[in-house]
N, C-alpha and C. Protein backbone atom coordinates (compact mmCIF):
# COMPACT_ATOMS: atom_id res chain seq x y z
N MET A 1 12.56 -1.93 2.44
CA MET A 1 11.42 -2.80 2.65
C MET A 1 10.26 -2.26 1.83
N ASN A 2 9.68 -3.13 1.06
CA ASN A 2 8.51 -2.81 0.29
C ASN A 2 7.69 -4.08 0.17
N GLY A 3 6.54 -4.13 0.86
CA GLY A 3 5.71 -5.33 0.80
C GLY A 3 4.42 -5.14 1.57
N VAL A 4 3.60 -6.17 1.51
CA VAL A 4 2.31 -6.14 2.18
C VAL A 4 2.39 -7.03 3.41
N PHE A 5 1.91 -6.50 4.54
CA PHE A 5 1.96 -7.19 5.81
C PHE A 5 0.54 -7.41 6.32
N ILE A 6 0.36 -8.48 7.07
CA ILE A 6 -0.94 -8.74 7.72
C ILE A 6 -0.71 -8.70 9.22
N THR A 7 -1.45 -7.79 9.89
CA THR A 7 -1.30 -7.59 11.32
C THR A 7 -2.67 -7.69 12.00
N THR A 8 -2.63 -7.66 13.31
CA THR A 8 -3.82 -7.43 14.10
C THR A 8 -3.44 -6.38 15.16
N GLU A 9 -4.28 -5.39 15.33
CA GLU A 9 -3.98 -4.34 16.31
C GLU A 9 -4.61 -4.69 17.65
N LEU A 10 -3.87 -4.38 18.70
CA LEU A 10 -4.38 -4.55 20.04
C LEU A 10 -5.33 -3.40 20.36
N GLU A 11 -6.22 -3.64 21.31
CA GLU A 11 -7.27 -2.66 21.56
C GLU A 11 -7.40 -2.40 23.07
N GLY A 12 -8.15 -1.35 23.38
CA GLY A 12 -8.54 -1.07 24.75
C GLY A 12 -7.39 -0.87 25.72
N ALA A 13 -7.61 -1.30 26.96
CA ALA A 13 -6.64 -1.10 28.03
C ALA A 13 -5.31 -1.78 27.72
N LEU A 14 -5.37 -2.95 27.09
CA LEU A 14 -4.15 -3.67 26.72
C LEU A 14 -3.30 -2.79 25.79
N ALA A 15 -3.90 -2.26 24.75
CA ALA A 15 -3.17 -1.40 23.81
C ALA A 15 -2.61 -0.16 24.53
N THR A 16 -3.40 0.41 25.43
CA THR A 16 -2.95 1.59 26.15
C THR A 16 -1.73 1.29 27.01
N ARG A 17 -1.75 0.14 27.70
CA ARG A 17 -0.61 -0.23 28.55
C ARG A 17 0.65 -0.50 27.71
N ILE A 18 0.48 -1.20 26.62
CA ILE A 18 1.64 -1.51 25.78
C ILE A 18 2.17 -0.24 25.11
N ARG A 19 1.28 0.62 24.68
CA ARG A 19 1.71 1.91 24.09
C ARG A 19 2.54 2.70 25.12
N ALA A 20 2.12 2.68 26.38
CA ALA A 20 2.87 3.40 27.41
C ALA A 20 4.28 2.82 27.60
N VAL A 21 4.41 1.50 27.51
CA VAL A 21 5.74 0.87 27.59
C VAL A 21 6.57 1.31 26.38
N GLN A 22 5.98 1.25 25.20
CA GLN A 22 6.70 1.67 23.99
C GLN A 22 7.12 3.14 24.07
N GLU A 23 6.24 4.00 24.54
CA GLU A 23 6.57 5.42 24.65
C GLU A 23 7.72 5.66 25.62
N ARG A 24 7.73 4.88 26.69
CA ARG A 24 8.80 5.02 27.69
C ARG A 24 10.14 4.50 27.15
N PHE A 25 10.13 3.38 26.48
CA PHE A 25 11.40 2.73 26.11
C PHE A 25 11.77 2.90 24.64
N ASP A 26 10.84 3.32 23.79
CA ASP A 26 11.14 3.49 22.37
C ASP A 26 10.11 4.41 21.73
N PRO A 27 10.23 5.71 21.97
CA PRO A 27 9.23 6.67 21.45
C PRO A 27 9.07 6.60 19.93
N LYS A 28 10.15 6.33 19.20
CA LYS A 28 10.06 6.25 17.73
C LYS A 28 9.10 5.12 17.33
N LEU A 29 9.26 3.96 17.96
CA LEU A 29 8.38 2.83 17.68
C LEU A 29 6.93 3.18 18.01
N ALA A 30 6.73 3.83 19.15
CA ALA A 30 5.36 4.17 19.60
C ALA A 30 4.65 5.08 18.60
N LYS A 31 5.40 5.89 17.85
CA LYS A 31 4.78 6.81 16.90
C LYS A 31 4.45 6.17 15.55
N GLU A 32 5.03 5.01 15.25
CA GLU A 32 4.87 4.42 13.93
C GLU A 32 3.49 3.81 13.69
N LEU A 33 3.11 2.89 14.54
CA LEU A 33 1.82 2.18 14.41
C LEU A 33 1.28 1.90 15.80
N PRO A 34 -0.01 1.62 15.90
CA PRO A 34 -0.54 1.19 17.20
C PRO A 34 0.08 -0.16 17.59
N PRO A 35 0.07 -0.50 18.87
CA PRO A 35 0.57 -1.81 19.27
C PRO A 35 -0.15 -2.91 18.49
N HIS A 36 0.63 -3.85 17.95
CA HIS A 36 0.07 -4.85 17.06
C HIS A 36 0.91 -6.13 17.07
N VAL A 37 0.35 -7.15 16.46
CA VAL A 37 1.06 -8.40 16.20
C VAL A 37 1.05 -8.61 14.70
N THR A 38 2.23 -8.89 14.11
CA THR A 38 2.32 -9.14 12.67
C THR A 38 2.19 -10.66 12.45
N LEU A 39 1.23 -11.04 11.62
CA LEU A 39 1.02 -12.46 11.34
C LEU A 39 1.70 -12.89 10.03
N ILE A 40 1.80 -11.98 9.09
CA ILE A 40 2.48 -12.25 7.81
C ILE A 40 3.36 -11.07 7.49
N GLY A 41 4.64 -11.35 7.21
CA GLY A 41 5.53 -10.30 6.76
C GLY A 41 6.87 -10.27 7.44
N SER A 42 6.93 -10.70 8.72
CA SER A 42 8.23 -10.60 9.40
C SER A 42 8.74 -11.96 9.83
N SER A 43 7.89 -12.93 10.04
CA SER A 43 8.37 -14.25 10.45
C SER A 43 7.42 -15.32 9.94
N GLY A 44 7.98 -16.45 9.54
CA GLY A 44 7.17 -17.56 9.04
C GLY A 44 6.83 -17.42 7.57
N ALA A 45 6.53 -16.23 7.16
CA ALA A 45 6.30 -15.89 5.75
C ALA A 45 6.77 -14.46 5.58
N GLY A 46 7.49 -14.22 4.53
CA GLY A 46 7.96 -12.85 4.28
C GLY A 46 6.80 -11.97 3.84
N PRO A 47 7.08 -10.70 3.56
CA PRO A 47 6.02 -9.82 3.08
C PRO A 47 5.41 -10.35 1.79
N ILE A 48 4.14 -10.04 1.61
CA ILE A 48 3.44 -10.36 0.37
C ILE A 48 4.02 -9.47 -0.73
N ALA A 49 4.16 -10.02 -1.92
CA ALA A 49 4.72 -9.24 -3.04
C ALA A 49 4.00 -7.91 -3.18
N PRO A 50 4.75 -6.81 -3.28
CA PRO A 50 4.12 -5.49 -3.31
C PRO A 50 3.31 -5.22 -4.58
N ASP A 51 3.54 -5.98 -5.63
CA ASP A 51 2.76 -5.77 -6.87
C ASP A 51 1.52 -6.62 -6.92
N SER A 52 1.14 -7.27 -5.78
CA SER A 52 -0.08 -8.05 -5.72
C SER A 52 -1.31 -7.17 -5.97
N GLN A 53 -2.26 -7.66 -6.71
CA GLN A 53 -3.49 -6.91 -6.94
C GLN A 53 -4.35 -6.94 -5.67
N VAL A 54 -4.78 -5.80 -5.22
CA VAL A 54 -5.50 -5.70 -3.96
C VAL A 54 -6.80 -6.54 -4.00
N ASP A 55 -7.53 -6.54 -5.11
CA ASP A 55 -8.75 -7.32 -5.19
C ASP A 55 -8.48 -8.83 -5.03
N ALA A 56 -7.43 -9.32 -5.67
CA ALA A 56 -7.08 -10.73 -5.57
C ALA A 56 -6.61 -11.05 -4.16
N LEU A 57 -5.84 -10.15 -3.56
CA LEU A 57 -5.37 -10.33 -2.20
C LEU A 57 -6.54 -10.34 -1.24
N ARG A 58 -7.47 -9.40 -1.39
CA ARG A 58 -8.65 -9.34 -0.53
C ARG A 58 -9.46 -10.63 -0.66
N SER A 59 -9.66 -11.11 -1.85
CA SER A 59 -10.42 -12.36 -2.06
C SER A 59 -9.75 -13.54 -1.36
N ALA A 60 -8.44 -13.68 -1.52
CA ALA A 60 -7.72 -14.79 -0.91
C ALA A 60 -7.78 -14.73 0.62
N ILE A 61 -7.60 -13.54 1.19
CA ILE A 61 -7.58 -13.42 2.65
C ILE A 61 -8.98 -13.55 3.21
N LEU A 62 -9.97 -12.93 2.60
CA LEU A 62 -11.35 -13.03 3.10
C LEU A 62 -11.87 -14.45 3.03
N SER A 63 -11.42 -15.24 2.08
CA SER A 63 -11.87 -16.64 2.02
C SER A 63 -11.38 -17.40 3.27
N ILE A 64 -10.28 -16.98 3.82
CA ILE A 64 -9.77 -17.61 5.05
C ILE A 64 -10.44 -17.01 6.27
N THR A 65 -10.52 -15.68 6.37
CA THR A 65 -11.08 -15.06 7.56
C THR A 65 -12.59 -15.27 7.67
N ASP A 66 -13.26 -15.45 6.56
CA ASP A 66 -14.71 -15.73 6.64
C ASP A 66 -14.96 -17.06 7.34
N ALA A 67 -14.02 -18.00 7.27
CA ALA A 67 -14.19 -19.32 7.88
C ALA A 67 -13.49 -19.43 9.23
N ALA A 68 -12.61 -18.49 9.56
CA ALA A 68 -11.83 -18.60 10.80
C ALA A 68 -12.54 -17.87 11.93
N PRO A 69 -12.67 -18.52 13.07
CA PRO A 69 -13.29 -17.85 14.23
C PRO A 69 -12.30 -16.90 14.90
N PRO A 70 -12.80 -15.91 15.62
CA PRO A 70 -11.90 -15.09 16.45
C PRO A 70 -11.10 -15.99 17.40
N LEU A 71 -9.89 -15.56 17.72
CA LEU A 71 -9.01 -16.33 18.57
C LEU A 71 -8.79 -15.64 19.90
N THR A 72 -8.87 -16.39 20.96
CA THR A 72 -8.51 -15.86 22.28
C THR A 72 -7.06 -16.22 22.54
N LEU A 73 -6.23 -15.20 22.74
CA LEU A 73 -4.78 -15.39 22.90
C LEU A 73 -4.29 -14.73 24.18
N SER A 74 -3.14 -15.15 24.64
CA SER A 74 -2.48 -14.52 25.78
C SER A 74 -1.00 -14.40 25.50
N PHE A 75 -0.42 -13.27 25.90
CA PHE A 75 1.01 -13.10 25.73
C PHE A 75 1.76 -13.92 26.77
N LEU A 76 2.91 -14.41 26.37
CA LEU A 76 3.83 -15.11 27.27
C LEU A 76 4.74 -14.06 27.90
N THR A 77 5.68 -14.50 28.74
CA THR A 77 6.60 -13.55 29.36
C THR A 77 7.52 -12.95 28.28
N PRO A 78 7.93 -11.71 28.49
CA PRO A 78 8.77 -11.04 27.48
C PRO A 78 10.05 -11.80 27.23
N MET A 79 10.57 -11.59 26.01
CA MET A 79 11.86 -12.19 25.64
C MET A 79 12.62 -11.23 24.78
N ARG A 80 13.93 -11.36 24.84
CA ARG A 80 14.81 -10.58 23.96
C ARG A 80 15.23 -11.49 22.82
N PHE A 81 15.13 -10.98 21.59
CA PHE A 81 15.57 -11.77 20.45
C PHE A 81 17.10 -11.92 20.58
N ILE A 82 17.58 -13.12 20.37
CA ILE A 82 19.01 -13.44 20.55
C ILE A 82 19.84 -12.57 19.61
N GLY A 83 20.83 -11.93 20.21
CA GLY A 83 21.76 -11.10 19.44
C GLY A 83 21.18 -9.82 18.93
N ARG A 84 20.02 -9.42 19.44
CA ARG A 84 19.38 -8.20 18.94
C ARG A 84 18.94 -7.33 20.10
N GLU A 85 18.72 -6.07 19.84
CA GLU A 85 18.28 -5.11 20.85
C GLU A 85 16.76 -4.98 20.89
N ILE A 86 16.07 -6.09 20.72
CA ILE A 86 14.61 -6.09 20.61
C ILE A 86 14.01 -6.96 21.68
N VAL A 87 13.05 -6.40 22.43
CA VAL A 87 12.29 -7.14 23.44
C VAL A 87 10.84 -7.19 23.00
N VAL A 88 10.24 -8.35 23.10
CA VAL A 88 8.87 -8.55 22.62
C VAL A 88 8.04 -9.30 23.64
N LEU A 89 6.73 -9.17 23.48
CA LEU A 89 5.77 -10.03 24.19
C LEU A 89 5.38 -11.11 23.19
N PRO A 90 5.90 -12.34 23.38
CA PRO A 90 5.60 -13.41 22.41
C PRO A 90 4.23 -14.05 22.65
N LEU A 91 3.76 -14.70 21.61
CA LEU A 91 2.56 -15.53 21.68
C LEU A 91 2.99 -16.97 21.37
N ASP A 92 2.21 -17.91 21.84
CA ASP A 92 2.48 -19.32 21.53
C ASP A 92 2.37 -19.48 20.01
N PRO A 93 3.43 -19.95 19.33
CA PRO A 93 3.39 -20.05 17.88
C PRO A 93 2.69 -21.31 17.38
N HIS A 94 2.03 -22.02 18.25
CA HIS A 94 1.38 -23.27 17.88
C HIS A 94 -0.15 -23.13 18.02
N GLY A 95 -0.88 -24.18 17.75
CA GLY A 95 -2.32 -24.17 17.96
C GLY A 95 -3.07 -23.35 16.94
N THR A 96 -4.12 -22.66 17.41
CA THR A 96 -5.02 -21.96 16.50
C THR A 96 -4.35 -20.80 15.77
N LEU A 97 -3.40 -20.13 16.44
CA LEU A 97 -2.70 -19.02 15.80
C LEU A 97 -1.81 -19.54 14.67
N ARG A 98 -1.14 -20.65 14.90
CA ARG A 98 -0.33 -21.27 13.82
C ARG A 98 -1.22 -21.71 12.67
N ALA A 99 -2.40 -22.28 12.99
CA ALA A 99 -3.30 -22.71 11.93
C ALA A 99 -3.73 -21.53 11.06
N LEU A 100 -4.06 -20.39 11.70
CA LEU A 100 -4.42 -19.19 10.92
C LEU A 100 -3.24 -18.74 10.06
N HIS A 101 -2.07 -18.68 10.65
CA HIS A 101 -0.86 -18.28 9.90
C HIS A 101 -0.64 -19.20 8.70
N GLU A 102 -0.72 -20.49 8.91
CA GLU A 102 -0.48 -21.47 7.83
C GLU A 102 -1.55 -21.34 6.74
N SER A 103 -2.79 -21.09 7.14
CA SER A 103 -3.86 -20.88 6.14
C SER A 103 -3.55 -19.66 5.27
N LEU A 104 -3.11 -18.57 5.89
CA LEU A 104 -2.76 -17.38 5.14
C LEU A 104 -1.56 -17.65 4.25
N LYS A 105 -0.60 -18.34 4.81
CA LYS A 105 0.65 -18.64 4.07
C LYS A 105 0.39 -19.52 2.84
N SER A 106 -0.59 -20.41 2.92
CA SER A 106 -0.86 -21.34 1.81
C SER A 106 -2.04 -20.88 0.95
N SER A 107 -2.36 -19.60 1.00
CA SER A 107 -3.53 -19.06 0.30
C SER A 107 -3.31 -18.86 -1.22
N GLY A 108 -2.10 -19.09 -1.68
CA GLY A 108 -1.81 -18.86 -3.09
C GLY A 108 -1.23 -17.48 -3.36
N VAL A 109 -1.13 -16.67 -2.34
CA VAL A 109 -0.55 -15.33 -2.47
C VAL A 109 0.98 -15.47 -2.58
N ARG A 110 1.61 -14.59 -3.33
CA ARG A 110 3.08 -14.62 -3.47
C ARG A 110 3.74 -13.89 -2.32
N TYR A 111 4.68 -14.59 -1.67
CA TYR A 111 5.43 -14.03 -0.52
C TYR A 111 6.89 -13.93 -0.84
N GLU A 112 7.54 -12.94 -0.21
CA GLU A 112 9.00 -12.90 -0.23
C GLU A 112 9.51 -13.96 0.75
N THR A 113 10.78 -14.22 0.75
CA THR A 113 11.37 -15.21 1.63
C THR A 113 11.30 -14.73 3.09
N ALA A 114 10.90 -15.61 3.97
CA ALA A 114 10.86 -15.30 5.40
C ALA A 114 12.27 -15.21 5.94
N ARG A 115 12.50 -14.24 6.81
CA ARG A 115 13.82 -14.08 7.40
C ARG A 115 13.95 -14.89 8.72
N TRP A 116 12.84 -15.21 9.35
CA TRP A 116 12.87 -15.91 10.63
C TRP A 116 11.71 -16.93 10.69
N PRO A 117 11.81 -17.92 11.56
CA PRO A 117 10.68 -18.82 11.78
C PRO A 117 9.51 -18.06 12.39
N PHE A 118 8.31 -18.62 12.29
CA PHE A 118 7.11 -17.98 12.82
C PHE A 118 7.28 -17.74 14.31
N THR A 119 7.32 -16.46 14.68
CA THR A 119 7.48 -16.03 16.07
C THR A 119 6.53 -14.87 16.32
N PRO A 120 5.23 -15.14 16.50
CA PRO A 120 4.28 -14.05 16.66
C PRO A 120 4.53 -13.31 17.97
N HIS A 121 4.45 -11.98 17.90
CA HIS A 121 4.79 -11.17 19.06
C HIS A 121 4.32 -9.73 18.89
N CYS A 122 4.31 -9.02 20.01
CA CYS A 122 4.12 -7.55 20.00
C CYS A 122 5.44 -6.97 20.44
N THR A 123 6.00 -6.08 19.62
CA THR A 123 7.30 -5.49 19.89
C THR A 123 7.18 -4.40 20.95
N LEU A 124 8.03 -4.48 21.98
CA LEU A 124 8.06 -3.45 23.02
C LEU A 124 9.10 -2.39 22.73
N ASN A 125 10.25 -2.78 22.17
CA ASN A 125 11.25 -1.80 21.73
C ASN A 125 11.92 -2.35 20.49
N TYR A 126 12.34 -1.42 19.63
CA TYR A 126 12.96 -1.82 18.38
C TYR A 126 14.19 -0.96 18.04
N TYR A 127 14.02 0.35 18.19
CA TYR A 127 15.07 1.29 17.75
C TYR A 127 16.06 1.64 18.85
N MET A 128 15.63 1.63 20.08
CA MET A 128 16.47 2.10 21.17
C MET A 128 17.47 1.04 21.62
N THR A 129 18.69 1.47 21.92
CA THR A 129 19.69 0.57 22.48
C THR A 129 19.33 0.31 23.93
N LEU A 130 19.39 -0.96 24.32
CA LEU A 130 19.04 -1.36 25.68
C LEU A 130 20.18 -1.11 26.63
N THR A 131 19.84 -0.59 27.80
CA THR A 131 20.76 -0.53 28.91
C THR A 131 20.41 -1.69 29.83
N PRO A 132 21.28 -2.03 30.77
CA PRO A 132 20.89 -3.10 31.70
C PRO A 132 19.58 -2.79 32.43
N GLU A 133 19.36 -1.50 32.76
CA GLU A 133 18.15 -1.11 33.47
C GLU A 133 16.92 -1.21 32.55
N SER A 134 17.02 -0.75 31.31
CA SER A 134 15.85 -0.82 30.43
C SER A 134 15.55 -2.27 30.06
N LEU A 135 16.55 -3.09 29.87
CA LEU A 135 16.34 -4.51 29.58
C LEU A 135 15.62 -5.17 30.75
N ARG A 136 16.06 -4.90 31.96
CA ARG A 136 15.44 -5.49 33.14
C ARG A 136 13.97 -5.04 33.24
N ALA A 137 13.71 -3.78 32.98
CA ALA A 137 12.34 -3.26 33.09
C ALA A 137 11.45 -3.86 31.99
N LEU A 138 11.96 -3.98 30.77
CA LEU A 138 11.16 -4.56 29.68
C LEU A 138 10.87 -6.03 29.93
N LEU A 139 11.86 -6.76 30.45
CA LEU A 139 11.64 -8.18 30.73
C LEU A 139 10.71 -8.40 31.93
N ALA A 140 10.43 -7.36 32.68
CA ALA A 140 9.52 -7.47 33.82
C ALA A 140 8.06 -7.19 33.43
N VAL A 141 7.83 -6.72 32.21
CA VAL A 141 6.45 -6.41 31.74
C VAL A 141 5.66 -7.71 31.70
N ARG A 142 4.43 -7.66 32.20
CA ARG A 142 3.53 -8.83 32.16
C ARG A 142 2.18 -8.41 31.64
N GLU A 143 1.69 -9.14 30.68
CA GLU A 143 0.34 -8.94 30.10
C GLU A 143 -0.29 -10.31 29.89
N PRO A 144 -0.59 -11.03 30.97
CA PRO A 144 -1.06 -12.41 30.83
C PRO A 144 -2.56 -12.57 30.52
N ASP A 145 -3.32 -11.48 30.67
CA ASP A 145 -4.77 -11.61 30.47
C ASP A 145 -5.10 -11.91 29.01
N PRO A 146 -6.07 -12.77 28.78
CA PRO A 146 -6.47 -13.13 27.41
C PRO A 146 -7.03 -11.90 26.68
N TRP A 147 -6.84 -11.92 25.37
CA TRP A 147 -7.40 -10.87 24.51
C TRP A 147 -7.87 -11.56 23.22
N LEU A 148 -8.72 -10.84 22.48
CA LEU A 148 -9.38 -11.43 21.33
C LEU A 148 -8.79 -10.89 20.01
N LEU A 149 -8.31 -11.80 19.19
CA LEU A 149 -7.88 -11.46 17.84
C LEU A 149 -9.12 -11.66 16.97
N HIS A 150 -9.69 -10.57 16.46
CA HIS A 150 -10.94 -10.66 15.71
C HIS A 150 -10.88 -10.04 14.32
N THR A 151 -9.83 -9.27 14.04
CA THR A 151 -9.73 -8.61 12.74
C THR A 151 -8.28 -8.55 12.30
N LEU A 152 -8.06 -8.90 11.03
CA LEU A 152 -6.73 -8.74 10.43
C LEU A 152 -6.73 -7.42 9.68
N ARG A 153 -5.60 -6.75 9.68
CA ARG A 153 -5.40 -5.52 8.95
C ARG A 153 -4.31 -5.75 7.92
N VAL A 154 -4.54 -5.38 6.70
CA VAL A 154 -3.60 -5.62 5.61
C VAL A 154 -3.04 -4.27 5.17
N TYR A 155 -1.71 -4.15 5.32
CA TYR A 155 -1.02 -2.88 5.06
C TYR A 155 0.03 -3.05 3.96
N HIS A 156 0.18 -2.04 3.13
CA HIS A 156 1.33 -1.96 2.23
C HIS A 156 2.34 -1.06 2.92
N SER A 157 3.53 -1.61 3.17
CA SER A 157 4.59 -0.86 3.85
C SER A 157 5.76 -0.64 2.91
N ARG A 158 6.26 0.58 2.92
CA ARG A 158 7.45 0.97 2.15
C ARG A 158 8.33 1.81 3.06
N ASP A 159 9.62 1.57 3.01
CA ASP A 159 10.55 2.38 3.80
C ASP A 159 10.35 3.85 3.53
N GLY A 160 10.32 4.63 4.59
CA GLY A 160 10.25 6.08 4.46
C GLY A 160 8.85 6.63 4.19
N VAL A 161 7.85 5.75 4.09
CA VAL A 161 6.49 6.19 3.81
C VAL A 161 5.59 5.55 4.87
N PRO A 162 4.66 6.29 5.45
CA PRO A 162 3.75 5.65 6.41
C PRO A 162 3.00 4.48 5.76
N PRO A 163 2.81 3.40 6.50
CA PRO A 163 2.07 2.25 5.92
C PRO A 163 0.66 2.67 5.49
N LYS A 164 0.23 2.05 4.38
CA LYS A 164 -1.10 2.34 3.82
C LYS A 164 -2.01 1.14 4.11
N LEU A 165 -3.11 1.39 4.83
CA LEU A 165 -4.08 0.34 5.09
C LEU A 165 -4.81 0.02 3.80
N LEU A 166 -4.74 -1.24 3.39
CA LEU A 166 -5.44 -1.69 2.18
C LEU A 166 -6.84 -2.14 2.47
N PHE A 167 -7.01 -2.93 3.56
CA PHE A 167 -8.35 -3.38 3.97
C PHE A 167 -8.26 -4.11 5.28
N ASP A 168 -9.43 -4.26 5.93
CA ASP A 168 -9.57 -5.08 7.13
C ASP A 168 -10.26 -6.38 6.76
N ALA A 169 -9.95 -7.43 7.51
CA ALA A 169 -10.53 -8.74 7.25
C ALA A 169 -10.96 -9.34 8.60
N PRO A 170 -12.26 -9.18 8.96
CA PRO A 170 -12.75 -9.72 10.24
C PRO A 170 -12.78 -11.25 10.21
N LEU A 171 -12.46 -11.88 11.32
CA LEU A 171 -12.58 -13.32 11.47
C LEU A 171 -14.04 -13.60 11.82
N LYS A 172 -14.74 -14.34 10.93
CA LYS A 172 -16.19 -14.50 11.06
C LYS A 172 -16.66 -15.92 11.33
N GLY A 173 -15.73 -16.90 11.28
CA GLY A 173 -16.13 -18.32 11.41
C GLY A 173 -16.68 -18.70 12.73
């Protein structure tokens, strides 16, 4: 994997609670990045081409985030991806979040091919094999309280290397 991803990091008590779930059920995942939602790179649009010029990328993304207002979002009940050992807290893929995703996707930036349809989520476990007990516990996690998506974070990710933060893009509209 070598590409540029657009995420938003969770904050405060919500991030602390989700980090605790990740540490309990997938310590490797918990060490990689703070709890986050990926908006570009894993679903709906593949990673941004790794040879993209950062200044051009910043200009394209800021033109969108300067006009986009912060979004109030809520996680849905956890789900397991079909045929995979991954449990996530999904978000509604429609409405204002979809509009933001589509704006980013149609910004003129070059993307790799998406592997899955747009399925925004926060991953609870990724590397660990699920047991019936861990699956039951992960599917029982609830985080229904609204939270504010107010800043996008743009990272260059390469296998075997910690992701490099390229820039932040606050939603200002």
